[in-house]
Amino acid sequence: MRKFLILIVCIVASACSSETAPSNDGSLGSSLNISGSWTGVMSSSNNPAETITMQITQSSGSVSGTWRGTEIAWSGQVSGTLSGGSFSGQMTFTGMALDGTTCTGTANVSGSATNSTLSWTSGQGVVGAPCGAPMPAGVTVEMSR
């Protein structure tokens, strides 16, 4: 009987001692949460760098939000998915050219995401209707909070 009790205690102790590393995949219960306010810079190969702000919400691995330029009147939506430390999605662009034309477009963006930094790129840049101003190409977005 004594050997049986020792065996039971060993089994219970080993079952209780297993550790699991926290997930960082952007899913429910993950420590990675990019919801909130962000400030940073959007740059492109054909336009000056622009300071932007983002307001992001996250539900499990789904990300959505808005962004706005602080110096030039560009703004838009952010949407995509977060898996581990990687983001993949889209940013929409709306702005007014100097000639009064409203310019709109979309950029497919992807890159890294942590609790304190976002680093996204779009090789193709913004694709949209003809515009009186150059649509950003080779977009890079670097954000922090």
C-alpha atoms as a PDB file:
ATOM      1  CA  MET A   1       0.000   0.000   0.000  1.00  0.00           C
ATOM      2  CA  ARG A   2       2.854   2.359   0.859  1.00  0.00           C
ATOM      3  CA  LYS A   3       4.466   1.830  -2.593  1.00  0.00           C
ATOM      4  CA  PHE A   4       1.099   2.519  -4.218  1.00  0.00           C
ATOM      5  CA  LEU A   5       0.750   5.885  -2.366  1.00  0.00           C
ATOM      6  CA  ILE A   6       4.298   6.895  -3.307  1.00  0.00           C
ATOM      7  CA  LEU A   7       3.527   6.064  -6.949  1.00  0.00           C
ATOM      8  CA  ILE A   8       0.340   8.172  -6.866  1.00  0.00           C
ATOM      9  CA  VAL A   9       2.178  11.146  -5.295  1.00  0.00           C
ATOM     10  CA  CYS A  10       4.910  10.965  -7.976  1.00  0.00           C
ATOM     11  CA  ILE A  11       2.353  10.890 -10.792  1.00  0.00           C
ATOM     12  CA  VAL A  12       0.404  13.845  -9.391  1.00  0.00           C
ATOM     13  CA  ALA A  13       3.574  15.859  -8.753  1.00  0.00           C
ATOM     14  CA  SER A  14       4.872  15.323 -12.279  1.00  0.00           C
ATOM     15  CA  ALA A  15       1.513  16.240 -13.811  1.00  0.00           C
ATOM     16  CA  CYS A  16       1.362  19.471 -11.826  1.00  0.00           C
ATOM     17  CA  SER A  17       4.905  20.559 -12.611  1.00  0.00           C
ATOM     18  CA  SER A  18       4.704  20.791 -16.395  1.00  0.00           C
ATOM     19  CA  GLU A  19       5.191  24.322 -17.686  1.00  0.00           C
ATOM     20  CA  THR A  20       3.910  25.737 -20.921  1.00  0.00           C
ATOM     21  CA  ALA A  21       5.266  28.862 -22.547  1.00  0.00           C
ATOM     22  CA  PRO A  22       2.732  31.633 -23.098  1.00  0.00           C
ATOM     23  CA  SER A  23       1.389  31.893 -26.618  1.00  0.00           C
ATOM     24  CA  ASN A  24       2.273  34.961 -28.645  1.00  0.00           C
ATOM     25  CA  ASP A  25       0.171  34.216 -31.709  1.00  0.00           C
ATOM     26  CA  GLY A  26      -2.384  37.030 -31.398  1.00  0.00           C
ATOM     27  CA  SER A  27      -5.124  34.603 -30.388  1.00  0.00           C
ATOM     28  CA  LEU A  28      -7.440  34.911 -27.411  1.00  0.00           C
ATOM     29  CA  GLY A  29      -5.405  34.783 -24.216  1.00  0.00           C
ATOM     30  CA  SER A  30      -2.192  35.809 -25.954  1.00  0.00           C
ATOM     31  CA  SER A  31       0.123  38.290 -24.330  1.00  0.00           C
ATOM     32  CA  LEU A  32       0.383  40.132 -27.677  1.00  0.00           C
ATOM     33  CA  ASN A  33      -2.174  42.903 -27.817  1.00  0.00           C
ATOM     34  CA  ILE A  34      -1.736  45.807 -30.230  1.00  0.00           C
ATOM     35  CA  SER A  35      -4.994  47.570 -29.300  1.00  0.00           C
ATOM     36  CA  GLY A  36      -4.640  51.236 -28.480  1.00  0.00           C
ATOM     37  CA  SER A  37      -3.024  54.434 -29.669  1.00  0.00           C
ATOM     38  CA  TRP A  38       0.153  54.437 -31.765  1.00  0.00           C
ATOM     39  CA  THR A  39       2.378  57.218 -33.114  1.00  0.00           C
ATOM     40  CA  GLY A  40       5.018  56.912 -35.787  1.00  0.00           C
ATOM     41  CA  VAL A  41       6.167  57.610 -39.319  1.00  0.00           C
ATOM     42  CA  MET A  42       4.944  56.502 -42.722  1.00  0.00           C
ATOM     43  CA  SER A  43       7.499  56.881 -45.471  1.00  0.00           C
ATOM     44  CA  SER A  44       7.494  56.049 -49.150  1.00  0.00           C
ATOM     45  CA  SER A  45       9.966  56.070 -51.986  1.00  0.00           C
ATOM     46  CA  ASN A  46       8.209  58.967 -53.738  1.00  0.00           C
ATOM     47  CA  ASN A  47       6.759  61.183 -50.978  1.00  0.00           C
ATOM     48  CA  PRO A  48       8.166  62.881 -47.879  1.00  0.00           C
ATOM     49  CA  ALA A  49       7.950  60.995 -44.574  1.00  0.00           C
ATOM     50  CA  GLU A  50       4.733  61.732 -42.689  1.00  0.00           C
ATOM     51  CA  THR A  51       4.055  61.549 -38.965  1.00  0.00           C
ATOM     52  CA  ILE A  52       0.895  59.485 -38.411  1.00  0.00           C
ATOM     53  CA  THR A  53      -1.260  58.302 -35.542  1.00  0.00           C
ATOM     54  CA  MET A  54      -3.212  55.036 -35.384  1.00  0.00           C
ATOM     55  CA  GLN A  55      -6.041  53.868 -33.200  1.00  0.00           C
ATOM     56  CA  ILE A  56      -6.242  50.059 -33.277  1.00  0.00           C
ATOM     57  CA  THR A  57      -8.662  47.523 -31.840  1.00  0.00           C
ATOM     58  CA  GLN A  58      -7.967  43.811 -31.655  1.00  0.00           C
ATOM     59  CA  SER A  59     -10.322  40.888 -31.151  1.00  0.00           C
ATOM     60  CA  SER A  60      -8.421  37.624 -30.968  1.00  0.00           C
ATOM     61  CA  GLY A  61      -6.257  37.653 -34.122  1.00  0.00           C
ATOM     62  CA  SER A  62      -8.420  40.185 -36.002  1.00  0.00           C
ATOM     63  CA  VAL A  63      -7.146  43.776 -36.137  1.00  0.00           C
ATOM     64  CA  SER A  64      -8.972  46.915 -37.282  1.00  0.00           C
ATOM     65  CA  GLY A  65      -8.650  50.633 -36.796  1.00  0.00           C
ATOM     66  CA  THR A  66      -7.992  54.036 -38.263  1.00  0.00           C
ATOM     67  CA  TRP A  67      -4.934  56.113 -39.087  1.00  0.00           C
ATOM     68  CA  ARG A  68      -4.386  59.818 -39.801  1.00  0.00           C
ATOM     69  CA  GLY A  69      -1.494  61.956 -40.986  1.00  0.00           C
ATOM     70  CA  THR A  70      -0.612  64.791 -38.639  1.00  0.00           C
ATOM     71  CA  GLU A  71       0.880  67.130 -41.277  1.00  0.00           C
ATOM     72  CA  ILE A  72      -0.790  66.137 -44.553  1.00  0.00           C
ATOM     73  CA  ALA A  73      -4.497  65.360 -44.829  1.00  0.00           C
ATOM     74  CA  TRP A  74      -4.113  61.616 -45.493  1.00  0.00           C
ATOM     75  CA  SER A  75      -6.221  59.188 -43.468  1.00  0.00           C
ATOM     76  CA  GLY A  76      -7.723  55.723 -43.725  1.00  0.00           C
ATOM     77  CA  GLN A  77      -8.573  52.374 -42.261  1.00  0.00           C
ATOM     78  CA  VAL A  78      -6.360  49.510 -41.053  1.00  0.00           C
ATOM     79  CA  SER A  79      -7.509  45.877 -41.159  1.00  0.00           C
ATOM     80  CA  GLY A  80      -5.817  42.517 -41.027  1.00  0.00           C
ATOM     81  CA  THR A  81      -4.774  39.516 -39.002  1.00  0.00           C
ATOM     82  CA  LEU A  82      -2.202  39.026 -36.305  1.00  0.00           C
ATOM     83  CA  SER A  83      -0.512  35.657 -35.942  1.00  0.00           C
ATOM     84  CA  GLY A  84       2.418  35.327 -33.590  1.00  0.00           C
ATOM     85  CA  GLY A  85       4.500  38.435 -34.053  1.00  0.00           C
ATOM     86  CA  SER A  86       3.388  38.900 -37.680  1.00  0.00           C
ATOM     87  CA  PHE A  87       0.740  41.222 -39.105  1.00  0.00           C
ATOM     88  CA  SER A  88      -0.745  40.937 -42.586  1.00  0.00           C
ATOM     89  CA  GLY A  89      -3.467  43.238 -43.872  1.00  0.00           C
ATOM     90  CA  GLN A  90      -4.447  46.430 -45.653  1.00  0.00           C
ATOM     91  CA  MET A  91      -4.338  50.152 -45.136  1.00  0.00           C
ATOM     92  CA  THR A  92      -6.774  52.312 -47.075  1.00  0.00           C
ATOM     93  CA  PHE A  93      -5.770  55.840 -48.093  1.00  0.00           C
ATOM     94  CA  THR A  94      -7.947  58.910 -48.626  1.00  0.00           C
ATOM     95  CA  GLY A  95      -6.602  62.397 -49.186  1.00  0.00           C
ATOM     96  CA  MET A  96      -6.983  65.597 -51.153  1.00  0.00           C
ATOM     97  CA  ALA A  97      -4.483  66.563 -53.865  1.00  0.00           C
ATOM     98  CA  LEU A  98      -3.493  70.205 -54.320  1.00  0.00           C
ATOM     99  CA  ASP A  99      -5.762  70.393 -57.392  1.00  0.00           C
ATOM    100  CA  GLY A 100      -8.783  69.418 -55.233  1.00  0.00           C
ATOM    101  CA  THR A 101      -8.977  65.805 -56.438  1.00  0.00           C
ATOM    102  CA  THR A 102      -9.896  63.299 -53.762  1.00  0.00           C
ATOM    103  CA  CYS A 103      -7.384  60.467 -53.945  1.00  0.00           C
ATOM    104  CA  THR A 104      -8.166  56.967 -52.682  1.00  0.00           C
ATOM    105  CA  GLY A 105      -6.276  53.708 -52.674  1.00  0.00           C
ATOM    106  CA  THR A 106      -5.256  50.609 -50.756  1.00  0.00           C
ATOM    107  CA  ALA A 107      -1.877  49.187 -49.752  1.00  0.00           C
ATOM    108  CA  ASN A 108      -1.305  45.567 -48.769  1.00  0.00           C
ATOM    109  CA  VAL A 109       1.014  45.711 -45.760  1.00  0.00           C
ATOM    110  CA  SER A 110       2.788  43.099 -43.690  1.00  0.00           C
ATOM    111  CA  GLY A 111       5.487  42.912 -41.078  1.00  0.00           C
ATOM    112  CA  SER A 112       6.219  42.533 -37.412  1.00  0.00           C
ATOM    113  CA  ALA A 113       4.119  43.478 -34.403  1.00  0.00           C
ATOM    114  CA  THR A 114       4.990  43.540 -30.716  1.00  0.00           C
ATOM    115  CA  ASN A 115       3.255  45.058 -27.702  1.00  0.00           C
ATOM    116  CA  SER A 116       5.297  48.240 -28.225  1.00  0.00           C
ATOM    117  CA  THR A 117       6.269  48.454 -31.927  1.00  0.00           C
ATOM    118  CA  LEU A 118       4.780  47.906 -35.382  1.00  0.00           C
ATOM    119  CA  SER A 119       6.992  47.656 -38.462  1.00  0.00           C
ATOM    120  CA  TRP A 120       5.063  47.148 -41.706  1.00  0.00           C
ATOM    121  CA  THR A 121       5.984  47.475 -45.376  1.00  0.00           C
ATOM    122  CA  SER A 122       4.272  47.447 -48.751  1.00  0.00           C
ATOM    123  CA  GLY A 123       6.568  46.938 -51.701  1.00  0.00           C
ATOM    124  CA  GLN A 124       3.920  47.889 -54.249  1.00  0.00           C
ATOM    125  CA  GLY A 125       2.593  50.800 -52.208  1.00  0.00           C
ATOM    126  CA  VAL A 126      -0.831  52.350 -52.627  1.00  0.00           C
ATOM    127  CA  VAL A 127      -2.907  51.218 -55.583  1.00  0.00           C
ATOM    128  CA  GLY A 128      -5.922  53.319 -56.508  1.00  0.00           C
ATOM    129  CA  ALA A 129      -7.705  55.528 -59.011  1.00  0.00           C
ATOM    130  CA  PRO A 130      -5.774  58.205 -60.929  1.00  0.00           C
ATOM    131  CA  CYS A 131      -4.921  61.092 -58.660  1.00  0.00           C
ATOM    132  CA  GLY A 132      -3.553  64.635 -58.970  1.00  0.00           C
ATOM    133  CA  ALA A 133      -0.784  63.707 -56.523  1.00  0.00           C
ATOM    134  CA  PRO A 134       1.608  60.746 -56.530  1.00  0.00           C
ATOM    135  CA  MET A 135       0.235  57.801 -54.579  1.00  0.00           C
ATOM    136  CA  PRO A 136       2.799  56.515 -52.042  1.00  0.00           C
ATOM    137  CA  ALA A 137       5.018  53.717 -53.412  1.00  0.00           C
ATOM    138  CA  GLY A 138       7.332  51.472 -51.415  1.00  0.00           C
ATOM    139  CA  VAL A 139       5.514  52.261 -48.152  1.00  0.00           C
ATOM    140  CA  THR A 140       7.124  51.701 -44.745  1.00  0.00           C
ATOM    141  CA  VAL A 141       5.222  52.190 -41.478  1.00  0.00           C
ATOM    142  CA  GLU A 142       7.129  52.367 -38.167  1.00  0.00           C
ATOM    143  CA  MET A 143       4.960  52.846 -35.059  1.00  0.00           C
ATOM    144  CA  SER A 144       5.484  52.833 -31.295  1.00  0.00           C
ATOM    145  CA  ARG A 145       3.598  53.574 -28.105  1.00  0.00           C
END
